[in-house]
């Protein structure tokens, strides 16, 4: 029994060792098979430049360069590959190239912004010189923008529907010529009537200055005699100051006359330069209107070439609406101011108030400035009324008040309506900032510019709200506190 047990245990031990050897052998064989498969795949990638390559013993895949998606993905995601162990070949990658371009653009923009902010004086000087250089083109674009609706109306309503002219080129030429003749004729007639009247009014004011001075001085002397008991007022010092005021005015006028020659020369040069720029602007505007379809076509090509289609469509809508806001305000305010000036002239002529043309022009022009303009024009006109006949100030003030109320309640809403859609706070902001930057013209143009910026900012904010799926509800009443 003992012997049998010994041989039995020995046999079991040998069987166990044999099983272990078989298992180890099988594992090694499976490992070698895996290594062979990996080698076959790597060989397939290394031979990917061949047009058609079919590896040996392959039943599941055929490696063809033009049809194998896996190979294309491998080429796309790897910047280099190895044909042998010592050489690396660079392969173009659009992903990394785009990242590089964006990084360089960000660095360059950061440097540019830093330089611009760090040298504001030089920056503003360069911008000012740039605007002076392209000034005629900006003016020409504005003229074309203003006259284009008239040209379009003449082209469609007059020469197409009324006279039935067949040639499109002839209709365009005639529409442009007549539109510019109408605009120039209107300006010439207006200036031909207004400028002589303004000149006569100013000449009359200059001639009456000594008389007004004497009247003011006599009034002060009479006031002094009637109120001599006012011991807290030194009337002698007041008289000395008034007596010295007139000679100083004469000296100031004499100095102006002495320095008139260089002033006239400089002014003449500015006028000539401005006239040349204005002529260039008119020529530019004519070509812009005549070639507007080609300009629109080239602009659309650039726009759709740079931006995606959806973004380009949005930009076109924004530009169209912005131009509409700007033109509606300019045309509406100009017509409104013209009506106010004509009403002022008619009423002043009926009541025989002095300087009716001069004051009406001042009131009409200053009415172009929202909110503050009517008061500025009313005060300036009131000064002319005071120095002429102080008893006419009250009728004049009533007239200005009635005209401005009529403008604010009837004329303005009918003509302009809610074309800018701005609250009074933003209107005042536009007038203040525009006036500080560009003077009187800025006070007028600041309001529509702020309206356009507000429209664009509102679209941007609404885009981000829609992207976040957020709806901000307005208050039920903005008057409650």
Protein backbone atom coordinates (compact mmCIF):
# COMPACT_ATOMS: atom_id res chain seq x y z
CA UNK A 1 0.00 0.00 0.00
CA UNK A 2 2.79 2.28 0.85
CA UNK A 3 4.44 1.64 -2.49
CA UNK A 4 1.24 2.28 -4.36
CA UNK A 5 0.77 5.56 -2.55
CA UNK A 6 4.26 6.65 -3.47
CA UNK A 7 3.75 5.96 -7.17
CA UNK A 8 0.30 7.55 -7.10
CA UNK A 9 1.59 10.77 -5.60
CA UNK A 10 4.46 10.83 -8.04
CA UNK A 11 2.07 10.43 -10.94
CA UNK A 12 -0.14 13.25 -9.67
CA UNK A 13 2.88 15.49 -9.33
CA UNK A 14 4.00 14.74 -12.89
CA UNK A 15 0.49 15.44 -14.21
CA UNK A 16 0.40 18.77 -12.41
CA UNK A 17 3.74 19.81 -13.87
CA UNK A 18 2.58 18.76 -17.32
CA UNK A 19 -0.60 20.86 -16.99
CA UNK A 20 1.44 23.86 -15.95
CA UNK A 21 3.75 23.45 -18.94
CA UNK A 22 0.77 23.20 -21.29
CA UNK A 23 -0.84 26.28 -19.80
CA UNK A 24 2.38 28.23 -20.03
CA UNK A 25 2.86 27.10 -23.62
CA UNK A 26 -0.67 28.13 -24.54
CA UNK A 27 -0.18 31.56 -22.94
CA UNK A 28 3.04 32.07 -24.84
CA UNK A 29 1.37 31.06 -28.09
CA UNK A 30 -1.55 33.49 -27.51
CA UNK A 31 0.93 36.25 -26.66
CA UNK A 32 2.88 35.57 -29.85
CA UNK A 33 -0.35 35.63 -31.88
CA UNK A 34 -1.26 39.03 -30.37
CA UNK A 35 2.21 40.32 -31.11
CA UNK A 36 1.91 39.08 -34.69
CA UNK A 37 -1.47 40.84 -35.11
CA UNK A 38 -0.06 44.10 -33.74
CA UNK A 39 2.90 43.79 -36.08
CA UNK A 40 0.56 43.20 -39.01
CA UNK A 41 -1.41 46.37 -38.12
CA UNK A 42 1.77 48.43 -37.78
CA UNK A 43 3.00 47.04 -41.09
CA UNK A 44 -0.30 48.05 -42.62
CA UNK A 45 0.10 51.63 -41.35
CA UNK A 46 3.69 51.78 -42.52
CA UNK A 47 2.55 50.72 -46.01
CA UNK A 48 -0.40 53.14 -46.16
CA UNK A 49 1.20 55.07 -49.02
CA UNK A 50 0.52 52.18 -51.35
CA UNK A 51 -2.61 52.61 -53.39
CA UNK A 52 -4.06 49.17 -52.56
CA UNK A 53 -2.64 46.92 -49.83
CA UNK A 54 -4.16 43.66 -48.65
CA UNK A 55 -2.29 41.97 -45.74
CA UNK A 56 -1.82 38.22 -45.61
CA UNK A 57 -4.41 36.04 -43.84
CA UNK A 58 -6.77 39.00 -43.44
CA UNK A 59 -10.47 38.10 -43.55
CA UNK A 60 -12.07 41.14 -41.90
CA UNK A 61 -10.50 44.21 -43.49
CA UNK A 62 -8.94 45.45 -46.71
CA UNK A 63 -6.56 48.37 -46.23
CA UNK A 64 -7.12 50.80 -49.06
CA UNK A 65 -5.96 54.34 -48.70
CA UNK A 66 -8.90 56.01 -50.32
CA UNK A 67 -11.55 53.83 -48.65
CA UNK A 68 -10.15 53.02 -45.21
CA UNK A 69 -11.61 55.41 -42.64
CA UNK A 70 -9.30 54.16 -39.90
CA UNK A 71 -6.22 55.04 -41.92
CA UNK A 72 -7.57 58.50 -42.69
CA UNK A 73 -8.29 59.14 -39.02
CA UNK A 74 -4.81 57.97 -38.14
CA UNK A 75 -3.30 60.39 -40.66
CA UNK A 76 -5.49 63.23 -39.41
CA UNK A 77 -4.75 62.83 -35.72
CA UNK A 78 -1.00 62.23 -35.97
CA UNK A 79 1.40 65.01 -36.81
CA UNK A 80 4.14 62.65 -37.96
CA UNK A 81 4.68 58.99 -38.71
CA UNK A 82 7.71 56.69 -38.97
CA UNK A 83 8.64 54.76 -42.06
CA UNK A 84 11.71 53.60 -40.28
CA UNK A 85 13.05 54.00 -36.80
CA UNK A 86 15.34 56.95 -37.57
CA UNK A 87 13.31 59.33 -39.86
CA UNK A 88 10.32 61.52 -38.99
CA UNK A 89 8.12 63.06 -41.69
CA UNK A 90 5.92 66.10 -40.90
CA UNK A 91 2.28 65.80 -41.98
CA UNK A 92 0.05 68.92 -42.23
CA UNK A 93 -2.64 69.16 -39.53
CA UNK A 94 -5.43 71.73 -39.95
CA UNK A 95 -6.36 71.51 -36.29
CA UNK A 96 -2.96 72.55 -34.96
CA UNK A 97 -2.50 75.11 -37.73
CA UNK A 98 -5.77 76.85 -36.75
CA UNK A 99 -4.72 76.88 -33.10
CA UNK A 100 -1.42 78.48 -34.09
CA UNK A 101 -3.14 81.18 -36.19
CA UNK A 102 -5.59 82.05 -33.39
CA UNK A 103 -2.77 82.23 -30.86
CA UNK A 104 -0.72 84.57 -33.07
CA UNK A 105 -3.77 86.76 -33.75
CA UNK A 106 -4.51 87.00 -30.01
CA UNK A 107 -0.92 88.00 -29.22
CA UNK A 108 -0.82 90.63 -31.99
CA UNK A 109 -4.19 92.12 -30.95
CA UNK A 110 -3.06 92.27 -27.32
CA UNK A 111 0.13 94.10 -28.30
CA UNK A 112 -1.83 96.51 -30.53
CA UNK A 113 -4.39 97.30 -27.81
CA UNK A 114 -1.59 97.84 -25.27
CA UNK A 115 0.18 100.26 -27.61
CA UNK A 116 -3.02 102.15 -28.42
CA UNK A 117 -4.01 102.56 -24.78
CA UNK A 118 -0.47 103.42 -23.69
CA UNK A 119 -0.21 106.29 -26.20
CA UNK A 120 -3.69 107.81 -26.31
CA UNK A 121 -2.49 111.22 -27.52
CA UNK A 122 -0.69 109.69 -30.51
CA UNK A 123 -3.61 107.34 -31.13
CA UNK A 124 -6.15 110.19 -31.29
CA UNK A 125 -3.81 112.19 -33.50
CA UNK A 126 -3.43 109.29 -35.94
CA UNK A 127 -7.21 108.72 -35.96
CA UNK A 128 -7.79 112.44 -36.59
CA UNK A 129 -5.34 112.45 -39.49
CA UNK A 130 -6.96 109.33 -40.89
CA UNK A 131 -10.41 110.92 -40.79
CA UNK A 132 -9.05 114.04 -42.49
CA UNK A 133 -7.53 111.87 -45.18
CA UNK A 134 -10.71 109.92 -45.91
CA UNK A 135 -13.00 112.84 -45.09
CA UNK A 136 -14.16 113.41 -48.69
CA UNK A 137 -15.09 109.74 -49.01
CA UNK A 138 -17.04 109.79 -45.73
CA UNK A 139 -18.84 112.96 -46.83
CA UNK A 140 -19.47 111.45 -50.26
CA UNK A 141 -20.91 108.33 -48.68
CA UNK A 142 -23.22 110.42 -46.51
CA UNK A 143 -24.39 112.47 -49.53
CA UNK A 144 -25.02 109.27 -51.49
CA UNK A 145 -26.91 107.80 -48.54
CA UNK A 146 -29.14 110.89 -48.34
CA UNK A 147 -29.80 111.28 -52.07
CA UNK A 148 -30.19 107.58 -52.94
CA UNK A 149 -33.91 107.43 -51.98
CA UNK A 150 -34.62 110.42 -54.26
CA UNK A 151 -32.66 108.83 -57.12
CA UNK A 152 -34.52 105.54 -56.65
CA UNK A 153 -37.89 107.31 -56.62
CA UNK A 154 -37.09 109.19 -59.83
CA UNK A 155 -35.83 105.99 -61.48
CA UNK A 156 -38.90 103.90 -60.63
CA UNK A 157 -41.81 106.34 -60.44
CA UNK A 158 -40.86 108.93 -63.06
CA UNK A 159 -38.69 107.40 -65.77
CA UNK A 160 -39.99 103.81 -65.56
CA UNK A 161 -43.69 104.10 -64.76
CA UNK A 162 -44.43 107.57 -66.19
CA UNK A 163 -42.14 108.01 -69.22
CA UNK A 164 -41.64 104.25 -69.88
CA UNK A 165 -37.97 104.59 -70.78
CA UNK A 166 -36.52 101.19 -71.71
CA UNK A 167 -32.79 101.80 -71.28
CA UNK A 168 -31.76 101.17 -67.67
CA UNK A 169 -28.51 103.10 -68.11
CA UNK A 170 -30.32 106.17 -69.46
CA UNK A 171 -32.84 106.07 -66.60
CA UNK A 172 -30.05 105.86 -64.06
CA UNK A 173 -28.12 108.78 -65.57
CA UNK A 174 -31.23 110.99 -65.78
CA UNK A 175 -32.30 110.12 -62.22
CA UNK A 176 -28.87 110.99 -60.80
CA UNK A 177 -28.62 114.28 -62.72
CA UNK A 178 -32.11 115.47 -61.77
CA UNK A 179 -31.70 114.42 -58.12
CA UNK A 180 -28.48 116.42 -57.78
CA UNK A 181 -30.01 119.40 -59.61
CA UNK A 182 -32.97 119.37 -57.20
CA UNK A 183 -30.69 119.20 -54.15
CA UNK A 184 -28.32 121.94 -55.38
CA UNK A 185 -31.22 124.14 -56.49
CA UNK A 186 -32.93 123.84 -53.13
CA UNK A 187 -29.73 124.77 -51.31
CA UNK A 188 -29.03 127.72 -53.63
CA UNK A 189 -32.57 129.10 -53.30
CA UNK A 190 -32.52 128.69 -49.53
CA UNK A 191 -29.13 130.32 -49.13
CA UNK A 192 -29.96 133.01 -51.69
CA UNK A 193 -32.95 134.05 -49.61
CA UNK A 194 -31.54 133.49 -46.13
CA UNK A 195 -27.92 134.71 -46.39
CA UNK A 196 -28.74 138.28 -47.63
CA UNK A 197 -31.36 138.62 -44.87
CA UNK A 198 -28.91 137.41 -42.24
CA UNK A 199 -26.25 139.79 -43.56
CA UNK A 200 -28.64 142.74 -43.41
CA UNK A 201 -29.68 141.82 -39.87
CA UNK A 202 -26.08 141.58 -38.69
CA UNK A 203 -25.21 144.85 -40.39
CA UNK A 204 -28.13 146.51 -38.67
CA UNK A 205 -27.03 145.11 -35.32
CA UNK A 206 -23.49 146.44 -35.82
CA UNK A 207 -24.82 149.89 -36.79
CA UNK A 208 -27.02 150.02 -33.70
CA UNK A 209 -24.34 148.96 -31.22
CA UNK A 210 -23.38 152.58 -30.25
CA UNK A 211 -27.06 153.50 -29.80
CA UNK A 212 -27.66 150.44 -27.59
CA UNK A 213 -24.57 151.30 -25.59
CA UNK A 214 -25.77 154.86 -25.01
CA UNK A 215 -29.24 153.63 -24.07
CA UNK A 216 -27.83 151.16 -21.60
CA UNK A 217 -25.55 153.79 -20.08
CA UNK A 218 -28.38 156.34 -19.75
CA UNK A 219 -30.62 153.71 -18.20
CA UNK A 220 -27.96 152.91 -15.59
CA UNK A 221 -27.45 156.64 -14.82
CA UNK A 222 -31.19 157.08 -14.38
CA UNK A 223 -31.35 154.01 -12.19
CA UNK A 224 -28.45 155.38 -10.11
CA UNK A 225 -30.16 158.74 -9.61
CA UNK A 226 -33.42 157.13 -8.59
CA UNK A 227 -31.70 154.77 -6.16
CA UNK A 228 -28.97 156.97 -4.72
CA UNK A 229 -29.98 155.88 -1.23
CA UNK A 230 -28.56 152.41 -1.95
CA UNK A 231 -25.37 152.79 0.00
CA UNK A 232 -24.33 149.16 -0.45
CA UNK A 233 -23.78 149.75 -4.22
CA UNK A 234 -20.77 151.74 -5.46
CA UNK A 235 -22.33 153.42 -8.49
CA UNK A 236 -19.12 155.33 -9.24
CA UNK A 237 -17.22 152.07 -9.80
CA UNK A 238 -20.02 150.80 -12.01
CA UNK A 239 -19.94 154.03 -14.08
CA UNK A 240 -16.17 153.83 -14.50
CA UNK A 241 -16.39 150.24 -15.66
CA UNK A 242 -19.14 151.03 -18.19
CA UNK A 243 -17.27 154.05 -19.53
CA UNK A 244 -14.14 151.96 -20.04
CA UNK A 245 -16.10 149.18 -21.69
CA UNK A 246 -16.86 151.00 -24.94
CA UNK A 247 -13.21 151.97 -25.69
CA UNK A 248 -12.16 148.41 -25.00
CA UNK A 249 -14.74 147.16 -27.48
CA UNK A 250 -13.39 149.60 -30.09
CA UNK A 251 -9.81 148.46 -29.41
CA UNK A 252 -10.87 144.85 -29.77
CA UNK A 253 -12.57 145.59 -33.09
CA UNK A 254 -9.50 147.55 -34.27
CA UNK A 255 -7.25 144.61 -33.44
CA UNK A 256 -9.56 142.35 -35.38
CA UNK A 257 -9.32 144.66 -38.40
CA UNK A 258 -5.50 144.82 -38.06
CA UNK A 259 -5.21 141.05 -37.96
CA UNK A 260 -7.84 140.61 -40.62
CA UNK A 261 -5.41 140.06 -43.51
CA UNK A 262 -3.77 136.85 -42.20
CA UNK A 263 -7.12 135.74 -40.84
CA UNK A 264 -8.76 136.26 -44.22
CA UNK A 265 -5.89 134.43 -45.91
CA UNK A 266 -6.14 131.45 -43.56
CA UNK A 267 -9.92 131.43 -43.80
CA UNK A 268 -9.72 131.63 -47.58
CA UNK A 269 -7.36 128.68 -47.68
CA UNK A 270 -9.69 126.69 -45.44
CA UNK A 271 -12.65 127.63 -47.63
CA UNK A 272 -10.79 126.63 -50.80
CA UNK A 273 -9.68 123.35 -49.23
CA UNK A 274 -13.18 122.68 -47.95
CA UNK A 275 -14.64 123.52 -51.37
CA UNK A 276 -12.21 121.13 -53.11
CA UNK A 277 -13.04 118.37 -50.61
CA UNK A 278 -16.75 119.04 -51.09
CA UNK A 279 -16.41 118.78 -54.89
CA UNK A 280 -14.48 115.51 -54.46
CA UNK A 281 -17.21 114.31 -52.09
CA UNK A 282 -19.91 115.08 -54.67
CA UNK A 283 -17.99 113.20 -57.36
CA UNK A 284 -17.49 110.25 -54.98
CA UNK A 285 -21.20 110.26 -54.09
CA UNK A 286 -22.17 110.21 -57.78
CA UNK A 287 -19.98 107.17 -58.42
CA UNK A 288 -21.28 105.47 -55.27
CA UNK A 289 -24.88 105.87 -56.38
CA UNK A 290 -24.12 104.89 -59.97
CA UNK A 291 -22.11 101.81 -58.98
CA UNK A 292 -24.03 100.88 -55.84
CA UNK A 293 -25.01 97.41 -57.10
CA UNK A 294 -21.38 96.46 -57.68
CA UNK A 295 -20.44 97.85 -54.25
CA UNK A 296 -23.19 95.81 -52.62
CA UNK A 297 -22.09 92.73 -54.55
CA UNK A 298 -18.45 93.06 -53.51
CA UNK A 299 -19.45 93.74 -49.90
CA UNK A 300 -21.61 90.61 -49.84
CA UNK A 301 -18.78 88.53 -51.30
CA UNK A 302 -16.41 89.71 -48.59
CA UNK A 303 -19.03 89.26 -45.88
CA UNK A 304 -20.02 85.73 -46.87
CA UNK A 305 -16.40 84.82 -47.56
CA UNK A 306 -15.29 85.72 -44.02
CA UNK A 307 -18.33 84.83 -41.92
CA UNK A 308 -20.62 81.80 -41.84
CA UNK A 309 -23.87 82.20 -43.78
CA UNK A 310 -26.05 82.62 -40.70
CA UNK A 311 -23.75 85.27 -39.21
CA UNK A 312 -23.47 87.08 -42.54
CA UNK A 313 -27.27 87.19 -42.86
CA UNK A 314 -27.49 88.65 -39.34
CA UNK A 315 -24.88 91.30 -40.14
CA UNK A 316 -26.80 92.36 -43.26
CA UNK A 317 -30.03 92.73 -41.27
CA UNK A 318 -28.27 94.73 -38.56
CA UNK A 319 -26.63 97.09 -41.08
CA UNK A 320 -29.91 97.59 -42.94
CA UNK A 321 -31.84 98.42 -39.77
CA UNK A 322 -29.06 100.68 -38.45
CA UNK A 323 -29.01 102.71 -41.66
CA UNK A 324 -32.81 102.92 -41.52
CA UNK A 325 -32.70 104.29 -37.94
CA UNK A 326 -30.06 106.85 -38.90
CA UNK A 327 -31.80 108.06 -42.07
CA UNK A 328 -35.27 108.18 -40.49
CA UNK A 329 -33.95 110.40 -37.72
CA UNK A 330 -31.98 112.72 -40.04
CA UNK A 331 -34.76 113.16 -42.60
CA UNK A 332 -37.49 113.44 -39.97
CA UNK A 333 -35.60 115.92 -37.81
CA UNK A 334 -34.60 118.03 -40.84
CA UNK A 335 -38.21 118.25 -42.04
CA UNK A 336 -39.43 118.97 -38.53
CA UNK A 337 -36.87 121.75 -38.05
CA UNK A 338 -37.74 123.26 -41.45
CA UNK A 339 -41.43 123.41 -40.49
CA UNK A 340 -40.59 125.00 -37.12
CA UNK A 341 -38.38 127.61 -38.78
CA UNK A 342 -41.09 128.50 -41.32
CA UNK A 343 -43.75 128.78 -38.58
CA UNK A 344 -41.47 131.02 -36.54
CA UNK A 345 -40.84 133.26 -39.56
CA UNK A 346 -44.55 133.55 -40.39
CA UNK A 347 -45.59 134.42 -36.82
CA UNK A 348 -42.75 136.94 -36.35
CA UNK A 349 -43.61 138.57 -39.67
CA UNK A 350 -47.29 138.83 -38.71
CA UNK A 351 -46.46 140.49 -35.37
CA UNK A 352 -43.70 142.58 -36.99
CA UNK A 353 -40.95 141.39 -34.72
CA UNK A 354 -37.40 142.41 -35.66
CA UNK A 355 -34.84 140.11 -37.29
CA UNK A 356 -37.48 137.56 -38.24
CA UNK A 357 -35.27 135.74 -40.79
CA UNK A 358 -32.19 135.61 -38.56
CA UNK A 359 -34.09 134.40 -35.48
CA UNK A 360 -36.14 131.90 -37.51
CA UNK A 361 -32.96 130.37 -38.97
CA UNK A 362 -31.42 130.15 -35.49
CA UNK A 363 -34.56 128.53 -34.06
CA UNK A 364 -34.84 126.07 -36.97
CA UNK A 365 -31.18 125.04 -36.95
CA UNK A 366 -30.95 124.61 -33.17
CA UNK A 367 -34.19 122.60 -33.26
CA UNK A 368 -32.13 119.82 -34.90
CA UNK A 369 -30.62 119.19 -31.45
CA UNK A 370 -33.11 117.16 -29.37
CA UNK A 371 -34.39 118.51 -26.04
CA UNK A 372 -31.86 121.33 -25.58
CA UNK A 373 -31.95 122.77 -29.11
CA UNK A 374 -35.30 124.61 -28.91
CA UNK A 375 -34.29 126.33 -25.66
CA UNK A 376 -30.87 127.33 -27.03
CA UNK A 377 -32.44 128.88 -30.13
CA UNK A 378 -35.16 130.59 -28.08
CA UNK A 379 -32.63 132.19 -25.71
CA UNK A 380 -30.36 133.42 -28.54
CA UNK A 381 -33.33 134.93 -30.38
CA UNK A 382 -34.59 136.47 -27.14
CA UNK A 383 -31.30 138.36 -26.72
CA UNK A 384 -31.80 140.06 -30.10
CA UNK A 385 -35.37 140.96 -29.10
CA UNK A 386 -34.25 142.42 -25.74
CA UNK A 387 -31.64 144.76 -27.20
CA UNK A 388 -34.12 145.92 -29.83
CA UNK A 389 -37.39 146.28 -27.93
CA UNK A 390 -37.68 144.83 -24.46
CA UNK A 391 -41.49 144.97 -24.55
CA UNK A 392 -41.56 142.33 -27.30
CA UNK A 393 -39.83 139.72 -25.12
CA UNK A 394 -43.06 138.42 -23.57
CA UNK A 395 -44.89 137.93 -26.93
CA UNK A 396 -41.73 136.31 -28.30
CA UNK A 397 -41.45 133.94 -25.33
CA UNK A 398 -45.13 132.96 -25.69
CA UNK A 399 -44.59 132.32 -29.42
CA UNK A 400 -41.57 130.08 -28.78
CA UNK A 401 -43.43 128.17 -26.06
CA UNK A 402 -46.48 127.56 -28.29
CA UNK A 403 -44.32 126.46 -31.26
CA UNK A 404 -42.29 124.05 -29.14
CA UNK A 405 -45.41 122.53 -27.58
CA UNK A 406 -46.90 122.13 -31.06
CA UNK A 407 -43.67 120.48 -32.19
CA UNK A 408 -43.47 118.13 -29.22
CA UNK A 409 -47.12 117.06 -29.24
CA UNK A 410 -48.16 117.12 -32.90
CA UNK A 411 -45.45 117.74 -35.52
CA UNK A 412 -42.64 115.66 -34.02
CA UNK A 413 -44.65 112.49 -33.34
CA UNK A 414 -46.27 112.63 -36.80
CA UNK A 415 -42.98 113.04 -38.69
CA UNK A 416 -40.35 111.33 -36.56
CA UNK A 417 -42.51 109.07 -34.40
CA UNK A 418 -40.47 106.64 -32.30
CA UNK A 419 -37.71 106.21 -34.86
CA UNK A 420 -34.90 106.21 -32.30
CA UNK A 421 -36.70 104.55 -29.39
CA UNK A 422 -34.46 106.11 -26.74
CA UNK A 423 -35.32 107.18 -23.24
CA UNK A 424 -34.55 110.81 -22.27
CA UNK A 425 -31.52 109.72 -20.23
CA UNK A 426 -29.82 108.18 -23.26
CA UNK A 427 -30.79 111.14 -25.46
CA UNK A 428 -29.06 113.49 -23.00
CA UNK A 429 -26.09 111.11 -22.90
CA UNK A 430 -25.80 111.17 -26.70
CA UNK A 431 -26.05 114.96 -26.85
CA UNK A 432 -23.46 115.45 -24.10
CA UNK A 433 -20.89 112.97 -25.38
CA UNK A 434 -21.41 113.90 -29.03
CA UNK A 435 -21.14 117.61 -28.27
CA UNK A 436 -17.91 117.14 -26.30
CA UNK A 437 -16.36 115.10 -29.12
CA UNK A 438 -17.59 116.82 -32.31
CA UNK A 439 -19.21 120.09 -31.24
CA UNK A 440 -22.59 121.14 -32.60
CA UNK A 441 -22.60 118.43 -35.27
CA UNK A 442 -21.92 115.88 -32.53
CA UNK A 443 -24.87 117.14 -30.50
CA UNK A 444 -27.09 116.37 -33.48
CA UNK A 445 -25.51 113.10 -34.67
CA UNK A 446 -24.83 111.76 -31.16
CA UNK A 447 -28.48 110.82 -30.64
CA UNK A 448 -28.95 108.57 -33.72
CA UNK A 449 -25.52 107.03 -33.15
CA UNK A 450 -26.48 106.12 -29.58
CA UNK A 451 -29.77 104.75 -30.93
CA UNK A 452 -27.91 102.50 -33.40
CA UNK A 453 -25.49 101.32 -30.70
CA UNK A 454 -28.42 100.61 -28.38
CA UNK A 455 -30.14 98.56 -31.09
CA UNK A 456 -27.00 96.47 -31.71
CA UNK A 457 -26.33 95.93 -27.98
CA UNK A 458 -29.96 94.88 -27.47
CA UNK A 459 -29.59 92.24 -30.23
CA UNK A 460 -26.37 90.91 -28.68
CA UNK A 461 -27.89 90.69 -25.20
CA UNK A 462 -31.02 88.96 -26.55
CA UNK A 463 -28.83 86.47 -28.44
CA UNK A 464 -27.03 85.42 -25.25
CA UNK A 465 -30.31 85.24 -23.33
CA UNK A 466 -31.79 82.96 -25.99
CA UNK A 467 -28.64 80.86 -25.93
CA UNK A 468 -29.04 80.37 -22.18
CA UNK A 469 -32.81 79.91 -22.56
CA UNK A 470 -33.47 82.74 -20.10
CA UNK A 471 -36.47 85.06 -20.31
CA UNK A 472 -36.17 88.31 -18.32
CA UNK A 473 -39.63 89.75 -17.75
CA UNK A 474 -40.01 93.55 -17.58
CA UNK A 475 -41.70 95.31 -14.70
CA UNK A 476 -45.47 95.73 -14.82
CA UNK A 477 -45.08 99.49 -14.42
CA UNK A 478 -41.95 101.60 -14.67
CA UNK A 479 -43.64 104.46 -12.81
CA UNK A 480 -43.94 102.66 -9.50
CA UNK A 481 -41.26 103.17 -6.86
